[in-house]
Amino acid sequence: MSWTQVLPVNELTPGTRKVVKVSDKNILLINHEGNYYAVANSCPHLKLPIKKGKITEDGSIVCPFHRSAFDLKTGEPTEWITWPPLMSKAMGMISKQQCLPVFPTKVEDYQIWVEV
């Protein structure tokens, strides 16, 4: 694993997000309440993009497609496939819970770095 410089901090103001490519990975960078998070930009359920997911008060990102939610710090699921309501239970049995990959971040010299 190695650190890669990805963005100047002024390009990721609080409440914003941006997808960057590091090696062969699409990584979603998020500035949530002044903290920087880096997660895979694909929900582990169906590999659909998670960039437009809602950030909850408890610090989770919610997949806009099936509403699985993942802790931004750990990637652990806090909800698993809650949409659509009548099919979510069956879909949850077919696809077991998985973590959203997270990547360490740091800021040095006003630059955001990600370890991949």
C-alpha atoms as a PDB file:
ATOM      1  CA  MET A   1       0.000   0.000   0.000  1.00  0.00           C
ATOM      2  CA  SER A   2       1.218   3.483  -0.803  1.00  0.00           C
ATOM      3  CA  TRP A   3       0.108   7.070  -0.340  1.00  0.00           C
ATOM      4  CA  THR A   4      -1.059   9.034  -3.381  1.00  0.00           C
ATOM      5  CA  GLN A   5      -1.664  12.775  -3.530  1.00  0.00           C
ATOM      6  CA  VAL A   6      -5.164  13.266  -4.950  1.00  0.00           C
ATOM      7  CA  LEU A   7      -6.463  16.835  -4.456  1.00  0.00           C
ATOM      8  CA  PRO A   8      -5.679  20.209  -2.939  1.00  0.00           C
ATOM      9  CA  VAL A   9      -7.838  20.715   0.181  1.00  0.00           C
ATOM     10  CA  ASN A  10      -9.472  23.820  -1.321  1.00  0.00           C
ATOM     11  CA  GLU A  11     -11.066  21.603  -4.012  1.00  0.00           C
ATOM     12  CA  LEU A  12     -12.988  19.604  -1.392  1.00  0.00           C
ATOM     13  CA  THR A  13     -14.829  22.103   0.781  1.00  0.00           C
ATOM     14  CA  PRO A  14     -17.120  20.939   3.631  1.00  0.00           C
ATOM     15  CA  GLY A  15     -20.178  19.114   2.325  1.00  0.00           C
ATOM     16  CA  THR A  16     -18.648  18.295  -1.048  1.00  0.00           C
ATOM     17  CA  ARG A  17     -17.466  15.097  -2.662  1.00  0.00           C
ATOM     18  CA  LYS A  18     -15.434  14.120  -5.682  1.00  0.00           C
ATOM     19  CA  VAL A  19     -14.476  10.891  -7.436  1.00  0.00           C
ATOM     20  CA  VAL A  20     -10.769  10.420  -8.156  1.00  0.00           C
ATOM     21  CA  LYS A  21      -8.939   7.575  -9.840  1.00  0.00           C
ATOM     22  CA  VAL A  22      -6.070   6.052  -7.864  1.00  0.00           C
ATOM     23  CA  SER A  23      -4.333   3.129  -9.534  1.00  0.00           C
ATOM     24  CA  ASP A  24      -7.264   1.185 -10.964  1.00  0.00           C
ATOM     25  CA  LYS A  25      -9.774   2.273  -8.295  1.00  0.00           C
ATOM     26  CA  ASN A  26     -12.514   4.910  -8.439  1.00  0.00           C
ATOM     27  CA  ILE A  27     -12.423   6.470  -4.997  1.00  0.00           C
ATOM     28  CA  LEU A  28     -15.065   8.792  -3.610  1.00  0.00           C
ATOM     29  CA  LEU A  29     -13.568  11.578  -1.490  1.00  0.00           C
ATOM     30  CA  ILE A  30     -15.967  13.208   0.955  1.00  0.00           C
ATOM     31  CA  ASN A  31     -15.538  16.233   3.197  1.00  0.00           C
ATOM     32  CA  HIS A  32     -18.113  15.611   5.908  1.00  0.00           C
ATOM     33  CA  GLU A  33     -18.111  18.146   8.735  1.00  0.00           C
ATOM     34  CA  GLY A  34     -14.468  19.009   8.070  1.00  0.00           C
ATOM     35  CA  ASN A  35     -13.268  15.395   8.061  1.00  0.00           C
ATOM     36  CA  TYR A  36     -11.960  13.718   4.924  1.00  0.00           C
ATOM     37  CA  TYR A  37     -13.132  10.233   4.002  1.00  0.00           C
ATOM     38  CA  ALA A  38     -12.164   8.030   1.063  1.00  0.00           C
ATOM     39  CA  VAL A  39     -14.376   5.097   0.100  1.00  0.00           C
ATOM     40  CA  ALA A  40     -14.846   2.942  -2.968  1.00  0.00           C
ATOM     41  CA  ASN A  41     -17.290   4.608  -5.342  1.00  0.00           C
ATOM     42  CA  SER A  42     -19.307   1.435  -5.750  1.00  0.00           C
ATOM     43  CA  CYS A  43     -21.779  -0.139  -3.379  1.00  0.00           C
ATOM     44  CA  PRO A  44     -20.653  -3.692  -2.552  1.00  0.00           C
ATOM     45  CA  HIS A  45     -24.178  -4.997  -3.224  1.00  0.00           C
ATOM     46  CA  LEU A  46     -24.421  -4.498  -7.022  1.00  0.00           C
ATOM     47  CA  LYS A  47     -21.307  -2.367  -7.657  1.00  0.00           C
ATOM     48  CA  LEU A  48     -23.448   0.670  -8.538  1.00  0.00           C
ATOM     49  CA  PRO A  49     -21.982   4.169  -7.950  1.00  0.00           C
ATOM     50  CA  ILE A  50     -22.468   5.544  -4.458  1.00  0.00           C
ATOM     51  CA  LYS A  51     -21.377   9.151  -5.157  1.00  0.00           C
ATOM     52  CA  LYS A  52     -24.892  10.596  -4.908  1.00  0.00           C
ATOM     53  CA  GLY A  53     -25.686   8.766  -1.666  1.00  0.00           C
ATOM     54  CA  LYS A  54     -27.063  10.721   1.271  1.00  0.00           C
ATOM     55  CA  ILE A  55     -24.801  11.263   4.288  1.00  0.00           C
ATOM     56  CA  THR A  56     -26.713  10.573   7.500  1.00  0.00           C
ATOM     57  CA  GLU A  57     -26.377  12.315  10.858  1.00  0.00           C
ATOM     58  CA  ASP A  58     -24.539   9.285  12.261  1.00  0.00           C
ATOM     59  CA  GLY A  59     -21.847   9.511   9.546  1.00  0.00           C
ATOM     60  CA  SER A  60     -23.028   6.815   7.145  1.00  0.00           C
ATOM     61  CA  ILE A  61     -23.396   7.027   3.380  1.00  0.00           C
ATOM     62  CA  VAL A  62     -26.593   5.551   1.935  1.00  0.00           C
ATOM     63  CA  CYS A  63     -26.565   3.867  -1.470  1.00  0.00           C
ATOM     64  CA  PRO A  64     -29.068   5.716  -3.685  1.00  0.00           C
ATOM     65  CA  PHE A  65     -30.208   2.462  -5.339  1.00  0.00           C
ATOM     66  CA  HIS A  66     -31.063  -0.075  -2.604  1.00  0.00           C
ATOM     67  CA  ARG A  67     -30.463   2.107   0.463  1.00  0.00           C
ATOM     68  CA  SER A  68     -27.744   0.059   2.065  1.00  0.00           C
ATOM     69  CA  ALA A  69     -25.832   2.325   4.460  1.00  0.00           C
ATOM     70  CA  PHE A  70     -22.146   2.209   5.401  1.00  0.00           C
ATOM     71  CA  ASP A  71     -20.149   3.872   8.155  1.00  0.00           C
ATOM     72  CA  LEU A  72     -17.746   6.352   6.524  1.00  0.00           C
ATOM     73  CA  LYS A  73     -14.971   5.557   9.030  1.00  0.00           C
ATOM     74  CA  THR A  74     -15.070   1.759   8.947  1.00  0.00           C
ATOM     75  CA  GLY A  75     -17.120   0.782   5.895  1.00  0.00           C
ATOM     76  CA  GLU A  76     -19.272  -1.488   8.087  1.00  0.00           C
ATOM     77  CA  PRO A  77     -22.894  -1.768   6.951  1.00  0.00           C
ATOM     78  CA  THR A  78     -25.353   0.021   9.223  1.00  0.00           C
ATOM     79  CA  GLU A  79     -28.308  -1.021   6.992  1.00  0.00           C
ATOM     80  CA  TRP A  80     -28.409  -3.683   4.286  1.00  0.00           C
ATOM     81  CA  ILE A  81     -30.695  -3.500   1.234  1.00  0.00           C
ATOM     82  CA  THR A  82     -33.807  -1.756   2.520  1.00  0.00           C
ATOM     83  CA  TRP A  83     -35.242  -0.906  -0.917  1.00  0.00           C
ATOM     84  CA  PRO A  84     -37.565  -1.870  -2.549  1.00  0.00           C
ATOM     85  CA  PRO A  85     -39.587  -2.710   0.562  1.00  0.00           C
ATOM     86  CA  LEU A  86     -41.237  -5.937  -0.613  1.00  0.00           C
ATOM     87  CA  MET A  87     -38.155  -7.364  -2.302  1.00  0.00           C
ATOM     88  CA  SER A  88     -35.431  -6.146   0.039  1.00  0.00           C
ATOM     89  CA  LYS A  89     -35.596  -9.166   2.369  1.00  0.00           C
ATOM     90  CA  ALA A  90     -35.171 -11.612  -0.535  1.00  0.00           C
ATOM     91  CA  MET A  91     -32.418  -9.487  -2.092  1.00  0.00           C
ATOM     92  CA  GLY A  92     -30.669  -9.373   1.273  1.00  0.00           C
ATOM     93  CA  MET A  93     -30.688 -13.166   1.500  1.00  0.00           C
ATOM     94  CA  ILE A  94     -29.210 -13.498  -1.996  1.00  0.00           C
ATOM     95  CA  SER A  95     -26.437 -10.992  -1.360  1.00  0.00           C
ATOM     96  CA  LYS A  96     -24.900 -11.244   2.121  1.00  0.00           C
ATOM     97  CA  GLN A  97     -23.712  -8.124   3.917  1.00  0.00           C
ATOM     98  CA  GLN A  98     -20.399  -6.728   2.798  1.00  0.00           C
ATOM     99  CA  CYS A  99     -18.304  -3.780   3.901  1.00  0.00           C
ATOM    100  CA  LEU A 100     -17.720  -0.735   1.742  1.00  0.00           C
ATOM    101  CA  PRO A 101     -13.950  -0.472   1.155  1.00  0.00           C
ATOM    102  CA  VAL A 102     -12.459   2.534   2.951  1.00  0.00           C
ATOM    103  CA  PHE A 103      -9.024   4.064   2.471  1.00  0.00           C
ATOM    104  CA  PRO A 104      -6.944   6.058   4.964  1.00  0.00           C
ATOM    105  CA  THR A 105      -6.602   9.785   4.268  1.00  0.00           C
ATOM    106  CA  LYS A 106      -4.204  12.452   5.460  1.00  0.00           C
ATOM    107  CA  VAL A 107      -3.533  16.113   4.747  1.00  0.00           C
ATOM    108  CA  GLU A 108       0.006  17.379   4.183  1.00  0.00           C
ATOM    109  CA  ASP A 109       0.969  20.779   2.769  1.00  0.00           C
ATOM    110  CA  TYR A 110      -2.691  21.547   1.923  1.00  0.00           C
ATOM    111  CA  GLN A 111      -2.982  18.377  -0.161  1.00  0.00           C
ATOM    112  CA  ILE A 112      -5.272  15.390   0.452  1.00  0.00           C
ATOM    113  CA  TRP A 113      -3.527  12.030   0.279  1.00  0.00           C
ATOM    114  CA  VAL A 114      -5.117   8.571   0.079  1.00  0.00           C
ATOM    115  CA  GLU A 115      -3.459   5.261   0.924  1.00  0.00           C
ATOM    116  CA  VAL A 116      -4.347   2.487  -1.521  1.00  0.00           C
END
